[in-house]
All heavy atoms as atom14 arrays in JSON, in Angstrom:
{
  "sequence": "PETASSSTPSGTGSHLIYIGECKTKAHAIGRRVDTAFMSPLPGVYAP",
  "atom14_mask": [
    [1, 1, 1, 1, 1, 1, 1, 0, 0, 0, 0, 0, 0, 0],
    [1, 1, 1, 1, 1, 1, 1, 1, 1, 0, 0, 0, 0, 0],
    [1, 1, 1, 1, 1, 1, 1, 0, 0, 0, 0, 0, 0, 0],
    [1, 1, 1, 1, 1, 0, 0, 0, 0, 0, 0, 0, 0, 0],
    [1, 1, 1, 1, 1, 1, 0, 0, 0, 0, 0, 0, 0, 0],
    [1, 1, 1, 1, 1, 1, 0, 0, 0, 0, 0, 0, 0, 0],
    [1, 1, 1, 1, 1, 1, 0, 0, 0, 0, 0, 0, 0, 0],
    [1, 1, 1, 1, 1, 1, 1, 0, 0, 0, 0, 0, 0, 0],
    [1, 1, 1, 1, 1, 1, 1, 0, 0, 0, 0, 0, 0, 0],
    [1, 1, 1, 1, 1, 1, 0, 0, 0, 0, 0, 0, 0, 0],
    [1, 1, 1, 1, 0, 0, 0, 0, 0, 0, 0, 0, 0, 0],
    [1, 1, 1, 1, 1, 1, 1, 0, 0, 0, 0, 0, 0, 0],
    [1, 1, 1, 1, 0, 0, 0, 0, 0, 0, 0, 0, 0, 0],
    [1, 1, 1, 1, 1, 1, 0, 0, 0, 0, 0, 0, 0, 0],
    [1, 1, 1, 1, 1, 1, 1, 1, 1, 1, 0, 0, 0, 0],
    [1, 1, 1, 1, 1, 1, 1, 1, 0, 0, 0, 0, 0, 0],
    [1, 1, 1, 1, 1, 1, 1, 1, 0, 0, 0, 0, 0, 0],
    [1, 1, 1, 1, 1, 1, 1, 1, 1, 1, 1, 1, 0, 0],
    [1, 1, 1, 1, 1, 1, 1, 1, 0, 0, 0, 0, 0, 0],
    [1, 1, 1, 1, 0, 0, 0, 0, 0, 0, 0, 0, 0, 0],
    [1, 1, 1, 1, 1, 1, 1, 1, 1, 0, 0, 0, 0, 0],
    [1, 1, 1, 1, 1, 1, 0, 0, 0, 0, 0, 0, 0, 0],
    [1, 1, 1, 1, 1, 1, 1, 1, 1, 0, 0, 0, 0, 0],
    [1, 1, 1, 1, 1, 1, 1, 0, 0, 0, 0, 0, 0, 0],
    [1, 1, 1, 1, 1, 1, 1, 1, 1, 0, 0, 0, 0, 0],
    [1, 1, 1, 1, 1, 0, 0, 0, 0, 0, 0, 0, 0, 0],
    [1, 1, 1, 1, 1, 1, 1, 1, 1, 1, 0, 0, 0, 0],
    [1, 1, 1, 1, 1, 0, 0, 0, 0, 0, 0, 0, 0, 0],
    [1, 1, 1, 1, 1, 1, 1, 1, 0, 0, 0, 0, 0, 0],
    [1, 1, 1, 1, 0, 0, 0, 0, 0, 0, 0, 0, 0, 0],
    [1, 1, 1, 1, 1, 1, 1, 1, 1, 1, 1, 0, 0, 0],
    [1, 1, 1, 1, 1, 1, 1, 1, 1, 1, 1, 0, 0, 0],
    [1, 1, 1, 1, 1, 1, 1, 0, 0, 0, 0, 0, 0, 0],
    [1, 1, 1, 1, 1, 1, 1, 1, 0, 0, 0, 0, 0, 0],
    [1, 1, 1, 1, 1, 1, 1, 0, 0, 0, 0, 0, 0, 0],
    [1, 1, 1, 1, 1, 0, 0, 0, 0, 0, 0, 0, 0, 0],
    [1, 1, 1, 1, 1, 1, 1, 1, 1, 1, 1, 0, 0, 0],
    [1, 1, 1, 1, 1, 1, 1, 1, 0, 0, 0, 0, 0, 0],
    [1, 1, 1, 1, 1, 1, 0, 0, 0, 0, 0, 0, 0, 0],
    [1, 1, 1, 1, 1, 1, 1, 0, 0, 0, 0, 0, 0, 0],
    [1, 1, 1, 1, 1, 1, 1, 1, 0, 0, 0, 0, 0, 0],
    [1, 1, 1, 1, 1, 1, 1, 0, 0, 0, 0, 0, 0, 0],
    [1, 1, 1, 1, 0, 0, 0, 0, 0, 0, 0, 0, 0, 0],
    [1, 1, 1, 1, 1, 1, 1, 0, 0, 0, 0, 0, 0, 0],
    [1, 1, 1, 1, 1, 1, 1, 1, 1, 1, 1, 1, 0, 0],
    [1, 1, 1, 1, 1, 0, 0, 0, 0, 0, 0, 0, 0, 0],
    [1, 1, 1, 1, 1, 1, 1, 0, 0, 0, 0, 0, 0, 0]
  ],
  "atom14_positions": [
    [[79.48, -77.49, -72.03], [79.9, -76.1, -72.14], [78.73, -75.18, -72.49], [77.72, -75.62, -73.03], [80.91, -76.14, -73.3], [80.54, -77.34, -74.09], [80.0, -78.34, -73.1], [0.0, 0.0, 0.0], [0.0, 0.0, 0.0], [0.0, 0.0, 0.0], [0.0, 0.0, 0.0], [0.0, 0.0, 0.0], [0.0, 0.0, 0.0], [0.0, 0.0, 0.0]],
    [[78.87, -73.93, -72.16], [77.84, -72.94, -72.49], [77.68, -72.86, -74.0], [78.66, -72.87, -74.75], [78.23, -71.58, -71.92], [77.14, -70.52, -72.08], [77.51, -69.18, -71.48], [78.73, -68.94, -71.29], [76.6, -68.38, -71.21], [0.0, 0.0, 0.0], [0.0, 0.0, 0.0], [0.0, 0.0, 0.0], [0.0, 0.0, 0.0], [0.0, 0.0, 0.0]],
    [[76.45, -72.78, -74.45], [76.16, -72.73, -75.88], [74.83, -72.04, -76.1], [74.13, -71.67, -75.15], [76.12, -74.15, -76.46], [76.07, -74.09, -77.9], [74.92, -74.93, -75.95], [0.0, 0.0, 0.0], [0.0, 0.0, 0.0], [0.0, 0.0, 0.0], [0.0, 0.0, 0.0], [0.0, 0.0, 0.0], [0.0, 0.0, 0.0], [0.0, 0.0, 0.0]],
    [[74.47, -71.85, -77.35], [73.16, -71.28, -77.68], [72.06, -72.21, -77.17], [72.15, -73.43, -77.32], [73.03, -71.1, -79.2], [0.0, 0.0, 0.0], [0.0, 0.0, 0.0], [0.0, 0.0, 0.0], [0.0, 0.0, 0.0], [0.0, 0.0, 0.0], [0.0, 0.0, 0.0], [0.0, 0.0, 0.0], [0.0, 0.0, 0.0], [0.0, 0.0, 0.0]],
    [[71.05, -71.63, -76.55], [69.99, -72.45, -75.97], [68.68, -71.69, -75.97], [68.63, -70.47, -76.21], [70.36, -72.85, -74.53], [70.44, -71.71, -73.7], [0.0, 0.0, 0.0], [0.0, 0.0, 0.0], [0.0, 0.0, 0.0], [0.0, 0.0, 0.0], [0.0, 0.0, 0.0], [0.0, 0.0, 0.0], [0.0, 0.0, 0.0], [0.0, 0.0, 0.0]],
    [[67.59, -72.42, -75.69], [66.28, -71.8, -75.59], [65.45, -72.56, -74.57], [65.75, -73.7, -74.21], [65.57, -71.79, -76.95], [65.2, -73.11, -77.32], [0.0, 0.0, 0.0], [0.0, 0.0, 0.0], [0.0, 0.0, 0.0], [0.0, 0.0, 0.0], [0.0, 0.0, 0.0], [0.0, 0.0, 0.0], [0.0, 0.0, 0.0], [0.0, 0.0, 0.0]],
    [[64.37, -71.92, -74.11], [63.48, -72.55, -73.14], [62.31, -73.22, -73.85], [61.95, -72.87, -74.97], [62.95, -71.5, -72.16], [62.23, -70.49, -72.86], [0.0, 0.0, 0.0], [0.0, 0.0, 0.0], [0.0, 0.0, 0.0], [0.0, 0.0, 0.0], [0.0, 0.0, 0.0], [0.0, 0.0, 0.0], [0.0, 0.0, 0.0], [0.0, 0.0, 0.0]],
    [[61.71, -74.2, -73.18], [60.55, -74.9, -73.73], [59.27, -74.25, -73.2], [59.3, -73.47, -72.24], [60.59, -76.39, -73.33], [60.56, -76.49, -71.9], [61.85, -77.05, -73.85], [0.0, 0.0, 0.0], [0.0, 0.0, 0.0], [0.0, 0.0, 0.0], [0.0, 0.0, 0.0], [0.0, 0.0, 0.0], [0.0, 0.0, 0.0], [0.0, 0.0, 0.0]],
    [[58.11, -74.56, -73.81], [56.86, -73.92, -73.39], [56.51, -74.11, -71.92], [55.88, -73.24, -71.31], [55.81, -74.58, -74.29], [56.56, -74.95, -75.51], [57.92, -75.37, -75.02], [0.0, 0.0, 0.0], [0.0, 0.0, 0.0], [0.0, 0.0, 0.0], [0.0, 0.0, 0.0], [0.0, 0.0, 0.0], [0.0, 0.0, 0.0], [0.0, 0.0, 0.0]],
    [[56.92, -75.23, -71.33], [56.6, -75.48, -69.92], [57.35, -74.53, -68.99], [56.94, -74.31, -67.85], [56.95, -76.92, -69.54], [58.36, -77.12, -69.59], [0.0, 0.0, 0.0], [0.0, 0.0, 0.0], [0.0, 0.0, 0.0], [0.0, 0.0, 0.0], [0.0, 0.0, 0.0], [0.0, 0.0, 0.0], [0.0, 0.0, 0.0], [0.0, 0.0, 0.0]],
    [[58.46, -73.97, -69.49], [59.27, -73.1, -68.67], [60.2, -73.86, -67.74], [61.0, -73.26, -67.02], [0.0, 0.0, 0.0], [0.0, 0.0, 0.0], [0.0, 0.0, 0.0], [0.0, 0.0, 0.0], [0.0, 0.0, 0.0], [0.0, 0.0, 0.0], [0.0, 0.0, 0.0], [0.0, 0.0, 0.0], [0.0, 0.0, 0.0], [0.0, 0.0, 0.0]],
    [[60.12, -75.19, -67.77], [60.96, -76.01, -66.89], [62.01, -76.8, -67.65], [62.83, -77.48, -67.03], [60.1, -76.99, -66.08], [59.39, -77.85, -66.99], [59.09, -76.24, -65.22], [0.0, 0.0, 0.0], [0.0, 0.0, 0.0], [0.0, 0.0, 0.0], [0.0, 0.0, 0.0], [0.0, 0.0, 0.0], [0.0, 0.0, 0.0], [0.0, 0.0, 0.0]],
    [[61.98, -76.73, -68.97], [62.95, -77.47, -69.78], [63.77, -76.52, -70.64], [63.48, -75.32, -70.73], [0.0, 0.0, 0.0], [0.0, 0.0, 0.0], [0.0, 0.0, 0.0], [0.0, 0.0, 0.0], [0.0, 0.0, 0.0], [0.0, 0.0, 0.0], [0.0, 0.0, 0.0], [0.0, 0.0, 0.0], [0.0, 0.0, 0.0], [0.0, 0.0, 0.0]],
    [[64.8, -77.06, -71.25], [65.62, -76.24, -72.15], [66.24, -77.1, -73.23], [66.43, -78.31, -73.06], [66.72, -75.51, -71.35], [67.53, -76.43, -70.65], [0.0, 0.0, 0.0], [0.0, 0.0, 0.0], [0.0, 0.0, 0.0], [0.0, 0.0, 0.0], [0.0, 0.0, 0.0], [0.0, 0.0, 0.0], [0.0, 0.0, 0.0], [0.0, 0.0, 0.0]],
    [[66.54, -76.46, -74.36], [67.21, -77.1, -75.48], [68.56, -76.42, -75.68], [68.63, -75.21, -75.9], [66.37, -76.97, -76.76], [65.1, -77.73, -76.71], [64.04, -77.48, -77.57], [64.69, -78.76, -75.93], [63.05, -78.31, -77.31], [63.42, -79.09, -76.31], [0.0, 0.0, 0.0], [0.0, 0.0, 0.0], [0.0, 0.0, 0.0], [0.0, 0.0, 0.0]],
    [[69.63, -77.22, -75.61], [70.99, -76.72, -75.84], [71.44, -77.21, -77.21], [71.25, -78.4, -77.54], [71.94, -77.24, -74.76], [71.96, -76.53, -73.4], [70.6, -76.54, -72.74], [73.0, -77.18, -72.49], [0.0, 0.0, 0.0], [0.0, 0.0, 0.0], [0.0, 0.0, 0.0], [0.0, 0.0, 0.0], [0.0, 0.0, 0.0], [0.0, 0.0, 0.0]],
    [[72.03, -76.32, -78.0], [72.38, -76.67, -79.37], [73.89, -76.6, -79.55], [74.52, -75.58, -79.24], [71.68, -75.73, -80.37], [70.16, -75.8, -80.16], [72.04, -76.11, -81.81], [69.37, -74.79, -80.95], [0.0, 0.0, 0.0], [0.0, 0.0, 0.0], [0.0, 0.0, 0.0], [0.0, 0.0, 0.0], [0.0, 0.0, 0.0], [0.0, 0.0, 0.0]],
    [[74.46, -77.7, -80.08], [75.9, -77.8, -80.29], [76.2, -78.14, -81.74], [75.42, -78.8, -82.42], [76.5, -78.88, -79.39], [76.43, -78.55, -77.92], [75.35, -78.97, -77.14], [77.42, -77.8, -77.31], [75.27, -78.66, -75.79], [77.35, -77.48, -75.96], [76.27, -77.91, -75.21], [76.2, -77.58, -73.88], [0.0, 0.0, 0.0], [0.0, 0.0, 0.0]],
    [[77.37, -77.71, -82.2], [77.84, -78.07, -83.53], [78.52, -79.43, -83.44], [79.45, -79.62, -82.66], [78.84, -77.02, -84.08], [78.16, -75.65, -84.19], [79.38, -77.46, -85.44], [77.02, -75.59, -85.18], [0.0, 0.0, 0.0], [0.0, 0.0, 0.0], [0.0, 0.0, 0.0], [0.0, 0.0, 0.0], [0.0, 0.0, 0.0], [0.0, 0.0, 0.0]],
    [[78.07, -80.37, -84.26], [78.58, -81.72, -84.22], [77.44, -82.69, -83.99], [76.37, -82.31, -83.5], [0.0, 0.0, 0.0], [0.0, 0.0, 0.0], [0.0, 0.0, 0.0], [0.0, 0.0, 0.0], [0.0, 0.0, 0.0], [0.0, 0.0, 0.0], [0.0, 0.0, 0.0], [0.0, 0.0, 0.0], [0.0, 0.0, 0.0], [0.0, 0.0, 0.0]],
    [[77.63, -83.94, -84.38], [76.55, -84.91, -84.33], [76.84, -86.08, -83.4], [77.99, -86.48, -83.21], [76.28, -85.48, -85.73], [75.78, -84.47, -86.73], [75.49, -85.12, -88.07], [74.55, -85.94, -88.14], [76.21, -84.84, -89.04], [0.0, 0.0, 0.0], [0.0, 0.0, 0.0], [0.0, 0.0, 0.0], [0.0, 0.0, 0.0], [0.0, 0.0, 0.0]],
    [[75.75, -86.63, -82.84], [75.81, -87.89, -82.11], [74.49, -88.6, -82.36], [73.61, -88.08, -83.04], [76.06, -87.67, -80.62], [74.7, -86.86, -79.75], [0.0, 0.0, 0.0], [0.0, 0.0, 0.0], [0.0, 0.0, 0.0], [0.0, 0.0, 0.0], [0.0, 0.0, 0.0], [0.0, 0.0, 0.0], [0.0, 0.0, 0.0], [0.0, 0.0, 0.0]],
    [[74.34, -89.79, -81.82], [73.1, -90.54, -82.0], [71.96, -89.85, -81.27], [72.14, -89.34, -80.16], [73.28, -91.96, -81.46], [72.17, -92.92, -81.85], [72.52, -94.33, -81.44], [71.46, -95.32, -81.9], [71.83, -96.7, -81.52], [0.0, 0.0, 0.0], [0.0, 0.0, 0.0], [0.0, 0.0, 0.0], [0.0, 0.0, 0.0], [0.0, 0.0, 0.0]],
    [[70.79, -89.83, -81.88], [69.63, -89.2, -81.24], [68.79, -90.27, -80.56], [68.36, -91.23, -81.2], [68.76, -88.45, -82.27], [68.38, -89.35, -83.32], [69.53, -87.29, -82.88], [0.0, 0.0, 0.0], [0.0, 0.0, 0.0], [0.0, 0.0, 0.0], [0.0, 0.0, 0.0], [0.0, 0.0, 0.0], [0.0, 0.0, 0.0], [0.0, 0.0, 0.0]],
    [[68.59, -90.11, -79.26], [67.79, -91.09, -78.52], [67.41, -90.53, -77.15], [68.01, -89.56, -76.66], [68.54, -92.4, -78.36], [69.85, -92.29, -77.59], [70.55, -93.64, -77.51], [71.84, -93.57, -76.72], [72.49, -94.89, -76.6], [0.0, 0.0, 0.0], [0.0, 0.0, 0.0], [0.0, 0.0, 0.0], [0.0, 0.0, 0.0], [0.0, 0.0, 0.0]],
    [[66.42, -91.17, -76.53], [66.0, -90.78, -75.2], [67.06, -91.15, -74.18], [67.72, -92.19, -74.3], [64.68, -91.47, -74.85], [0.0, 0.0, 0.0], [0.0, 0.0, 0.0], [0.0, 0.0, 0.0], [0.0, 0.0, 0.0], [0.0, 0.0, 0.0], [0.0, 0.0, 0.0], [0.0, 0.0, 0.0], [0.0, 0.0, 0.0], [0.0, 0.0, 0.0]],
    [[67.24, -90.3, -73.18], [68.2, -90.53, -72.1], [69.61, -90.8, -72.63], [70.36, -91.58, -72.04], [67.74, -91.7, -71.21], [66.3, -91.62, -70.81], [65.78, -90.52, -70.14], [65.26, -92.48, -70.99], [64.49, -90.71, -69.91], [64.15, -91.88, -70.42], [0.0, 0.0, 0.0], [0.0, 0.0, 0.0], [0.0, 0.0, 0.0], [0.0, 0.0, 0.0]],
    [[69.97, -90.16, -73.73], [71.27, -90.4, -74.35], [72.42, -90.01, -73.43], [73.45, -90.69, -73.38], [71.38, -89.61, -75.66], [0.0, 0.0, 0.0], [0.0, 0.0, 0.0], [0.0, 0.0, 0.0], [0.0, 0.0, 0.0], [0.0, 0.0, 0.0], [0.0, 0.0, 0.0], [0.0, 0.0, 0.0], [0.0, 0.0, 0.0], [0.0, 0.0, 0.0]],
    [[72.25, -88.94, -72.69], [73.31, -88.46, -71.79], [73.07, -88.95, -70.37], [74.0, -89.18, -69.6], [73.39, -86.92, -71.84], [73.78, -86.47, -73.26], [74.39, -86.38, -70.83], [73.79, -84.97, -73.45], [0.0, 0.0, 0.0], [0.0, 0.0, 0.0], [0.0, 0.0, 0.0], [0.0, 0.0, 0.0], [0.0, 0.0, 0.0], [0.0, 0.0, 0.0]],
    [[71.81, -89.15, -70.01], [71.43, -89.61, -68.68], [69.94, -89.46, -68.52], [69.23, -89.05, -69.46], [0.0, 0.0, 0.0], [0.0, 0.0, 0.0], [0.0, 0.0, 0.0], [0.0, 0.0, 0.0], [0.0, 0.0, 0.0], [0.0, 0.0, 0.0], [0.0, 0.0, 0.0], [0.0, 0.0, 0.0], [0.0, 0.0, 0.0], [0.0, 0.0, 0.0]],
    [[69.42, -89.76, -67.34], [67.99, -89.67, -67.1], [67.5, -88.25, -67.35], [68.03, -87.28, -66.84], [67.68, -90.06, -65.64], [67.93, -91.51, -65.31], [66.87, -92.42, -65.91], [65.54, -92.08, -65.46], [65.02, -92.48, -64.3], [65.74, -93.21, -63.47], [63.78, -92.15, -63.98], [0.0, 0.0, 0.0], [0.0, 0.0, 0.0], [0.0, 0.0, 0.0]],
    [[66.45, -88.15, -68.17], [65.82, -86.88, -68.52], [66.71, -85.93, -69.3], [66.45, -84.71, -69.35], [65.31, -86.16, -67.24], [64.31, -86.97, -66.44], [63.0, -87.07, -67.17], [62.03, -87.87, -66.41], [60.8, -88.16, -66.85], [60.41, -87.72, -68.02], [59.99, -88.9, -66.13], [0.0, 0.0, 0.0], [0.0, 0.0, 0.0], [0.0, 0.0, 0.0]],
    [[67.75, -86.46, -69.91], [68.61, -85.64, -70.79], [68.74, -86.38, -72.12], [69.52, -87.34, -72.23], [70.0, -85.37, -70.19], [70.77, -84.39, -71.08], [69.88, -84.8, -68.77], [0.0, 0.0, 0.0], [0.0, 0.0, 0.0], [0.0, 0.0, 0.0], [0.0, 0.0, 0.0], [0.0, 0.0, 0.0], [0.0, 0.0, 0.0], [0.0, 0.0, 0.0]],
    [[67.95, -85.96, -73.11], [67.89, -86.63, -74.4], [68.72, -85.9, -75.45], [69.06, -84.72, -75.28], [66.45, -86.7, -74.9], [65.48, -87.24, -73.86], [65.91, -88.04, -73.01], [64.28, -86.86, -73.91], [0.0, 0.0, 0.0], [0.0, 0.0, 0.0], [0.0, 0.0, 0.0], [0.0, 0.0, 0.0], [0.0, 0.0, 0.0], [0.0, 0.0, 0.0]],
    [[68.99, -86.59, -76.55], [69.51, -85.92, -77.74], [68.39, -86.02, -78.78], [68.03, -87.12, -79.21], [70.8, -86.57, -78.26], [70.65, -88.0, -78.32], [71.97, -86.23, -77.34], [0.0, 0.0, 0.0], [0.0, 0.0, 0.0], [0.0, 0.0, 0.0], [0.0, 0.0, 0.0], [0.0, 0.0, 0.0], [0.0, 0.0, 0.0], [0.0, 0.0, 0.0]],
    [[67.82, -84.89, -79.14], [66.61, -84.85, -79.97], [66.95, -84.83, -81.45], [67.94, -84.23, -81.87], [65.79, -83.61, -79.62], [0.0, 0.0, 0.0], [0.0, 0.0, 0.0], [0.0, 0.0, 0.0], [0.0, 0.0, 0.0], [0.0, 0.0, 0.0], [0.0, 0.0, 0.0], [0.0, 0.0, 0.0], [0.0, 0.0, 0.0], [0.0, 0.0, 0.0]],
    [[66.09, -85.46, -82.27], [66.32, -85.45, -83.71], [65.8, -84.16, -84.34], [66.14, -83.83, -85.46], [65.66, -86.67, -84.37], [64.19, -86.55, -84.6], [63.69, -86.17, -85.84], [63.28, -86.82, -83.59], [62.32, -86.05, -86.06], [61.92, -86.71, -83.8], [61.44, -86.34, -85.03], [0.0, 0.0, 0.0], [0.0, 0.0, 0.0], [0.0, 0.0, 0.0]],
    [[64.99, -83.4, -83.58], [64.5, -82.11, -84.06], [64.03, -81.29, -82.88], [63.92, -81.79, -81.76], [63.35, -82.29, -85.05], [62.17, -83.11, -84.55], [61.1, -82.32, -83.29], [60.39, -81.01, -84.28], [0.0, 0.0, 0.0], [0.0, 0.0, 0.0], [0.0, 0.0, 0.0], [0.0, 0.0, 0.0], [0.0, 0.0, 0.0], [0.0, 0.0, 0.0]],
    [[63.72, -80.03, -83.16], [63.11, -79.17, -82.17], [62.36, -78.06, -82.89], [62.8, -77.6, -83.95], [64.17, -78.54, -81.26], [63.61, -77.49, -80.47], [0.0, 0.0, 0.0], [0.0, 0.0, 0.0], [0.0, 0.0, 0.0], [0.0, 0.0, 0.0], [0.0, 0.0, 0.0], [0.0, 0.0, 0.0], [0.0, 0.0, 0.0], [0.0, 0.0, 0.0]],
    [[61.23, -77.63, -82.35], [60.66, -76.39, -82.86], [61.72, -75.3, -82.77], [62.5, -75.25, -81.81], [59.49, -76.12, -81.91], [59.07, -77.49, -81.47], [60.37, -78.24, -81.32], [0.0, 0.0, 0.0], [0.0, 0.0, 0.0], [0.0, 0.0, 0.0], [0.0, 0.0, 0.0], [0.0, 0.0, 0.0], [0.0, 0.0, 0.0], [0.0, 0.0, 0.0]],
    [[61.78, -74.47, -83.76], [62.82, -73.44, -83.83], [62.7, -72.49, -82.64], [61.6, -72.04, -82.31], [62.66, -72.67, -85.14], [63.81, -71.81, -85.64], [65.11, -72.6, -85.76], [63.44, -71.21, -86.99], [0.0, 0.0, 0.0], [0.0, 0.0, 0.0], [0.0, 0.0, 0.0], [0.0, 0.0, 0.0], [0.0, 0.0, 0.0], [0.0, 0.0, 0.0]],
    [[63.79, -72.22, -81.95], [63.74, -71.26, -80.83], [63.13, -69.93, -81.27], [63.55, -69.34, -82.27], [65.21, -71.09, -80.45], [65.85, -72.38, -80.85], [65.15, -72.77, -82.13], [0.0, 0.0, 0.0], [0.0, 0.0, 0.0], [0.0, 0.0, 0.0], [0.0, 0.0, 0.0], [0.0, 0.0, 0.0], [0.0, 0.0, 0.0], [0.0, 0.0, 0.0]],
    [[62.1, -69.49, -80.55], [61.45, -68.23, -80.87], [60.12, -68.37, -81.58], [59.47, -67.37, -81.9], [0.0, 0.0, 0.0], [0.0, 0.0, 0.0], [0.0, 0.0, 0.0], [0.0, 0.0, 0.0], [0.0, 0.0, 0.0], [0.0, 0.0, 0.0], [0.0, 0.0, 0.0], [0.0, 0.0, 0.0], [0.0, 0.0, 0.0], [0.0, 0.0, 0.0]],
    [[59.65, -69.64, -81.82], [58.38, -69.82, -82.53], [57.25, -70.11, -81.55], [57.49, -70.48, -80.4], [58.44, -70.96, -83.57], [59.59, -70.74, -84.54], [58.54, -72.32, -82.9], [0.0, 0.0, 0.0], [0.0, 0.0, 0.0], [0.0, 0.0, 0.0], [0.0, 0.0, 0.0], [0.0, 0.0, 0.0], [0.0, 0.0, 0.0], [0.0, 0.0, 0.0]],
    [[56.03, -69.95, -82.04], [54.84, -70.32, -81.28], [54.2, -71.52, -81.97], [53.85, -71.46, -83.15], [53.84, -69.18, -81.2], [52.58, -69.54, -80.44], [52.55, -69.51, -79.05], [51.44, -69.96, -81.12], [51.41, -69.86, -78.35], [50.29, -70.31, -80.43], [50.29, -70.26, -79.05], [49.16, -70.63, -78.35], [0.0, 0.0, 0.0], [0.0, 0.0, 0.0]],
    [[54.04, -72.63, -81.24], [53.44, -73.84, -81.79], [52.04, -74.01, -81.21], [51.9, -74.31, -80.01], [54.3, -75.06, -81.45], [0.0, 0.0, 0.0], [0.0, 0.0, 0.0], [0.0, 0.0, 0.0], [0.0, 0.0, 0.0], [0.0, 0.0, 0.0], [0.0, 0.0, 0.0], [0.0, 0.0, 0.0], [0.0, 0.0, 0.0], [0.0, 0.0, 0.0]],
    [[50.98, -73.81, -82.0], [49.62, -73.99, -81.49], [49.44, -75.37, -80.87], [49.84, -76.38, -81.45], [48.76, -73.82, -82.74], [49.58, -72.94, -83.63], [50.99, -73.37, -83.41], [0.0, 0.0, 0.0], [0.0, 0.0, 0.0], [0.0, 0.0, 0.0], [0.0, 0.0, 0.0], [0.0, 0.0, 0.0], [0.0, 0.0, 0.0], [0.0, 0.0, 0.0]]
  ]
}
C-alpha cells in the first residue's frame, strides 16, 4: 500500500516505511526488495 517513502542517493532506489514489524533481512520480500534494520533519515545528507 501507499505509504511514507523517500528516495536513495542513487536516484534509482526507494525506502518505504510502514508501521509494524517483521524480520529484517536481505531479499525478505523478493529479489532486490529487502527489509532494512535501519536507514539514514529521509532528508539528510550523508558524506
